[in-house]
Protein backbone atom coordinates (compact mmCIF):
# COMPACT_ATOMS: atom_id res chain seq x y z
CA MET A 1 -17.21 56.51 40.31
CA GLN A 2 -16.20 53.13 38.92
CA ALA A 3 -16.55 49.46 39.83
CA ASN A 4 -15.29 47.05 37.23
CA ASN A 5 -11.69 46.13 38.07
CA LEU A 6 -11.44 42.66 39.59
CA VAL A 7 -9.03 42.26 42.51
CA LYS A 8 -8.29 38.95 44.20
CA ILE A 9 -8.54 39.01 48.01
CA ASN A 10 -8.14 35.81 50.03
CA GLY A 11 -8.58 33.80 46.83
CA ASN A 12 -11.83 35.53 45.85
CA ALA A 13 -12.21 37.99 42.97
CA ILE A 14 -14.01 41.15 44.06
CA GLU A 15 -14.88 44.33 42.18
CA GLN A 16 -12.76 47.28 43.13
CA ILE A 17 -14.71 50.50 43.69
CA VAL A 18 -12.99 53.83 42.98
CA TYR A 19 -14.45 57.11 44.21
CA LYS A 20 -12.73 60.45 43.63
CA SER A 21 -9.66 58.56 42.37
CA LYS A 22 -9.44 56.54 45.61
CA PRO A 23 -10.19 52.82 46.00
CA VAL A 24 -12.96 52.44 48.60
CA ILE A 25 -15.00 49.64 50.16
CA THR A 26 -18.51 49.47 51.56
CA LEU A 27 -19.23 48.44 55.13
CA ARG A 28 -20.91 45.30 53.85
CA MET A 29 -17.80 44.38 51.86
CA MET A 30 -15.77 44.73 55.04
CA ASP A 31 -18.11 42.33 56.88
CA GLU A 32 -18.00 39.80 54.06
CA LEU A 33 -14.23 39.91 53.54
CA HIS A 34 -13.60 39.45 57.26
CA LYS A 35 -16.40 36.86 57.56
CA ARG A 36 -18.11 38.90 60.29
CA PRO A 37 -21.86 39.03 61.01
CA LEU A 38 -23.75 41.57 58.92
CA ASP A 39 -23.58 45.11 60.37
CA THR A 40 -20.41 44.45 62.41
CA ALA A 41 -18.53 47.08 60.41
CA ARG A 42 -21.49 49.49 60.54
CA LYS A 43 -21.65 49.26 64.33
CA ALA A 44 -17.92 49.89 64.56
CA PHE A 45 -18.30 52.83 62.18
CA ASN A 46 -21.12 54.36 64.26
CA ARG A 47 -19.09 53.92 67.47
CA HIS A 48 -16.02 55.64 66.08
CA LYS A 49 -17.53 58.06 63.57
CA ASP A 50 -16.58 61.10 65.69
CA HIS A 51 -12.92 60.17 65.20
CA LEU A 52 -13.18 59.78 61.43
CA ILE A 53 -12.83 62.60 58.91
CA GLU A 54 -15.45 62.79 56.18
CA ASN A 55 -14.07 62.94 52.63
CA GLU A 56 -10.77 61.56 53.90
CA ASP A 57 -11.56 58.45 55.95
CA PHE A 58 -15.05 57.90 54.55
CA PHE A 59 -17.50 59.24 51.97
CA ASN A 60 -21.28 59.52 52.13
CA VAL A 61 -22.19 58.94 48.49
CA PRO A 62 -25.69 59.90 47.23
CA TYR A 63 -27.93 57.20 45.75
CA GLU A 64 -27.79 58.93 42.35
CA GLN A 65 -24.06 58.23 42.17
CA TRP A 66 -23.62 54.79 43.70
CA SER A 67 -26.69 53.33 41.96
CA ASN A 68 -25.03 53.89 38.59
CA PHE A 69 -22.44 51.19 39.17
CA LEU A 70 -23.15 49.09 42.28
CA THR A 71 -25.02 45.83 41.69
CA VAL A 72 -27.93 44.76 43.87
CA GLN A 73 -25.81 41.93 45.24
CA ASN A 74 -23.20 44.39 46.49
CA MET A 75 -25.59 46.96 47.91
CA ASP A 76 -25.04 47.91 51.50
CA GLY A 77 -28.48 47.86 53.15
CA GLN A 78 -29.05 51.10 55.06
CA LYS A 79 -31.83 52.96 56.77
CA GLY A 80 -34.05 54.76 54.35
CA GLY A 81 -34.05 51.89 51.84
CA ARG A 82 -32.01 51.42 48.74
CA LYS A 83 -32.33 55.06 47.69
CA SER A 84 -30.44 56.41 50.69
CA SER A 85 -26.83 57.52 50.61
CA MET A 86 -24.14 54.91 51.18
CA THR A 87 -20.98 54.96 53.28
CA PHE A 88 -17.69 54.10 51.58
CA LEU A 89 -14.43 53.69 53.49
CA SER A 90 -11.08 54.86 52.19
CA GLN A 91 -7.90 53.03 53.12
CA THR A 92 -7.35 55.11 56.27
CA GLY A 93 -10.97 54.71 57.34
CA TYR A 94 -10.81 50.95 56.87
CA LEU A 95 -7.56 50.71 58.87
CA LEU A 96 -9.01 52.74 61.73
CA LEU A 97 -12.06 50.44 61.97
CA VAL A 98 -10.24 47.14 61.47
CA LYS A 99 -7.99 47.75 64.50
CA SER A 100 -10.56 45.94 66.65
CA PHE A 101 -10.35 42.82 64.44
CA THR A 102 -7.49 40.74 65.85
CA ASP A 103 -8.11 37.21 64.56
CA ALA A 104 -5.71 35.51 62.12
CA LEU A 105 -8.02 36.07 59.14
CA ALA A 106 -8.19 39.80 59.93
CA TRP A 107 -4.41 40.11 59.60
CA LYS A 108 -4.45 38.30 56.25
CA ILE A 109 -7.34 40.34 54.82
CA GLN A 110 -5.87 43.61 56.07
CA ARG A 111 -2.52 42.86 54.43
CA GLU A 112 -4.11 41.94 51.10
CA LEU A 113 -6.42 44.95 51.03
CA VAL A 114 -3.53 47.34 51.77
CA ASN A 115 -1.07 45.74 49.36
CA VAL A 116 -3.47 44.91 46.52
CA TYR A 117 -6.95 46.44 46.66
CA PHE A 118 -6.05 49.93 47.88
CA GLN A 119 -2.98 50.09 45.62
CA THR A 120 -4.70 49.15 42.35
CA ARG A 121 -5.70 51.94 39.96
CA GLN A 122 -8.32 52.06 37.21
CA ALA A 123 -7.44 55.49 35.92
CA THR A 124 -4.74 56.26 33.33
CA PRO A 125 -1.54 54.64 34.56
CA GLN A 126 0.80 57.00 36.38
CA ASN A 127 4.42 57.36 35.36
CA PRO A 128 6.77 55.37 37.63
CA ILE A 129 7.85 58.38 39.72
CA ASP A 130 4.27 59.58 40.39
CA GLU A 131 3.21 56.03 41.23
CA LYS A 132 6.00 55.67 43.81
CA LEU A 133 5.29 59.09 45.31
CA ASP A 134 1.59 58.29 45.60
CA ARG A 135 2.23 54.99 47.37
CA LEU A 136 4.82 56.50 49.72
CA GLU A 137 2.33 59.20 50.68
CA LYS A 138 -0.27 56.52 51.48
CA LEU A 139 2.32 54.69 53.58
CA LYS A 140 2.80 57.84 55.68
CA LYS A 141 -0.96 58.09 56.31
CA ILE A 142 -1.17 54.46 57.37
CA LYS A 143 1.37 54.98 60.16
CA SER A 144 -1.04 56.76 62.50
CA ALA A 145 -3.84 54.26 61.92
CA VAL A 146 -2.18 50.97 62.87
CA SER A 147 0.13 49.59 65.53
CA LYS A 148 3.91 49.88 65.18
CA GLN A 149 4.19 46.15 64.45
CA GLU A 150 1.51 46.28 61.76
CA TYR A 151 3.07 49.41 60.24
CA GLU A 152 6.56 47.90 60.00
CA SER A 153 5.14 44.79 58.32
CA ILE A 154 3.08 46.81 55.82
CA LYS A 155 6.00 49.19 55.21
CA ALA A 156 8.36 46.33 54.35
CA ASP A 157 5.87 44.88 51.85
CA VAL A 158 5.13 48.23 50.21
CA LEU A 159 8.80 49.18 49.88
CA LYS A 160 9.60 45.76 48.43
CA ASN A 161 6.82 46.16 45.85
CA LEU A 162 8.14 49.62 44.96
CA GLY A 163 11.54 48.21 44.02
CA TYR A 164 13.52 48.58 47.21
CA ARG A 165 15.85 45.89 48.43
CA GLU A 166 17.48 45.43 51.79
CA HIS A 167 21.21 45.05 52.40
CA LYS A 168 23.71 45.98 55.11
CA GLN A 169 23.48 49.70 54.33
CA GLY A 170 19.69 49.84 54.33
CA LEU A 171 16.93 49.99 51.73
CA ASN A 172 18.15 51.05 48.29
CA LYS A 173 16.18 51.57 45.10
CA LYS A 174 16.78 49.45 42.01
CA ARG A 175 15.28 51.51 39.24
CA ILE A 176 14.37 55.16 39.77
CA ASN A 177 17.09 57.76 40.29
CA PRO A 178 16.85 58.60 44.02
CA ILE A 179 17.74 62.25 43.42
CA ILE A 180 14.80 62.67 41.05
CA GLU A 181 12.44 60.99 43.49
CA LEU A 182 13.56 63.29 46.32
CA LEU A 183 13.21 66.36 44.11
CA GLU A 184 9.64 65.33 43.29
CA LEU A 185 8.89 64.88 46.99
CA LEU A 186 10.41 68.29 47.67
CA VAL A 187 8.14 69.92 45.08
CA GLN A 188 5.05 68.26 46.57
CA SER A 189 6.00 69.18 50.13
CA ASP A 190 4.45 72.25 51.77
CA GLN A 191 7.67 72.89 53.70
CA THR A 192 9.92 75.88 53.01
CA PHE A 193 13.69 75.92 53.23
CA ASP A 194 16.14 78.81 53.34
CA ASP A 195 17.98 79.40 50.05
CA VAL A 196 15.79 76.91 48.16
CA ASN A 197 13.44 79.04 46.06
CA PHE A 198 10.79 78.04 43.53
CA ASP A 199 9.67 79.98 40.45
CA THR A 200 8.33 79.26 36.98
CA ASN A 201 9.32 80.24 33.45
CA ASN A 202 8.33 79.19 29.94
CA LYS A 203 10.21 75.91 30.35
CA GLY A 204 8.72 74.78 33.63
CA LEU A 205 9.31 74.89 37.37
CA VAL A 206 12.56 76.58 38.38
CA VAL A 207 14.46 75.82 41.58
CA ASN A 208 17.19 78.25 42.62
CA TYR A 209 19.31 76.90 45.44
CA THR A 210 22.59 76.77 47.25
CA THR A 211 24.02 73.28 47.32
CA VAL A 212 24.29 73.18 51.11
CA SER A 213 20.67 74.29 51.59
CA LEU A 214 19.30 71.88 48.97
CA ASN A 215 21.25 69.04 50.56
CA MET A 216 19.70 69.85 53.96
CA ALA A 217 16.22 70.08 52.39
CA LEU A 218 16.51 66.70 50.65
CA LYS A 219 17.83 65.12 53.85
CA LYS A 220 14.75 66.40 55.71
CA ILE A 221 12.41 65.17 52.94
CA SER A 222 14.16 61.80 52.99
CA ASP A 223 13.74 61.47 56.76
CA ASP A 224 10.05 62.40 56.51
CA ASN A 225 9.48 59.61 54.00
CA GLN A 226 11.52 56.92 55.76
CA LEU A 227 14.12 56.84 52.97
CA ILE A 228 17.88 56.38 53.21
CA TYR A 229 19.92 59.51 52.37
CA THR A 230 23.71 59.20 52.04
CA TYR A 231 24.75 62.32 50.09
CA ASN A 232 26.87 65.24 51.20
CA SER A 233 26.80 68.61 49.42
CA GLN A 234 29.69 67.77 47.11
CA ILE A 235 28.23 64.44 45.99
CA LEU A 236 24.78 65.98 45.54
CA HIS A 237 26.24 68.72 43.32
CA SER A 238 27.98 66.16 41.09
CA ARG A 239 24.82 64.04 40.84
CA LEU A 240 22.71 67.04 39.86
CA LYS A 241 25.19 68.05 37.17
CA ALA A 242 25.02 64.52 35.78
CA LEU A 243 21.20 64.39 35.45
CA LYS A 244 20.31 63.02 32.02
CA ASN A 245 17.23 61.71 30.24
CA SER A 246 14.85 62.96 32.92
CA GLN A 247 12.27 65.66 33.43
CA TRP A 248 14.79 67.52 35.56
CA VAL A 249 17.57 69.59 33.95
CA TYR A 250 20.61 71.08 35.66
CA ALA A 251 20.90 74.71 34.45
CA GLY A 252 24.13 75.53 36.28
CA TYR A 253 25.39 78.54 38.20
CA VAL A 254 23.07 81.57 38.07
CA ASN A 255 24.23 84.19 40.57
CA ARG A 256 26.07 84.85 43.78
CA SER A 257 24.93 86.53 46.98
CA SER A 258 27.29 88.06 49.51
CA LYS A 259 27.84 84.62 51.04
CA HIS A 260 26.61 81.91 48.68
CA ARG A 261 26.61 80.75 45.07
CA PHE A 262 23.18 79.92 43.67
CA PHE A 263 22.54 77.19 41.11
CA GLN A 264 19.43 76.33 39.14
CA LEU A 265 17.37 73.25 38.31
CA ILE A 266 14.43 73.21 35.90
CA ARG A 267 11.58 70.69 36.02
CA LEU A 268 10.38 70.72 32.42
CA HIS A 269 6.69 70.89 31.56
């Protein structure tokens, strides 16, 4: 657990708290940021606790852990005194509780927390692809916690920060090869697709596929992550053959079934 990275919210520098690799806030921090009377967030938490998932939306952190980093000024007074456990909210937990805050300041604070505080990392920096995948996954989780209007506004800001730009054909990426990004999302997905098979060898993760099936799989992954997908099987095949200077390597044709030709990609260790 860490608390030393300063993040500016509404013009004020606050210490970011990270627990289990996730930025979190205390209930007292929520009150102070939103300029609400003390215990407003705690009362909201107690009212809606049955709808929150522990270790996903909130964490009950023992005194022995939080006392190692949290200053007296930032302590969240709770029953049982200062040696009791403390409640920390994750991004989804915060968004579920803040839904009842509808004043102008609440919208501003919510936007800054989502776009800055909950996106900042203290751990070893991720590579660009992992960073984008992590933030897109968080965007998916936000969708069920806020209104459609709020989600579309947050989504536009997040995609813009990730390097997307808008034009007449939709949102396109500037920097990272979209095929590589979709392949990474496919690997992380728990979905299965016919004629797209995963294995490992001494080089890394192996994907055996038919071009038609892989194209359908990437289209589904793209739809799930609100991304634009414009490839057909022929274009996808040519793009995969042209992969260079990446973790993914096109290994070519490997075998043929009674109906289909199978090709192979390798994600190197």
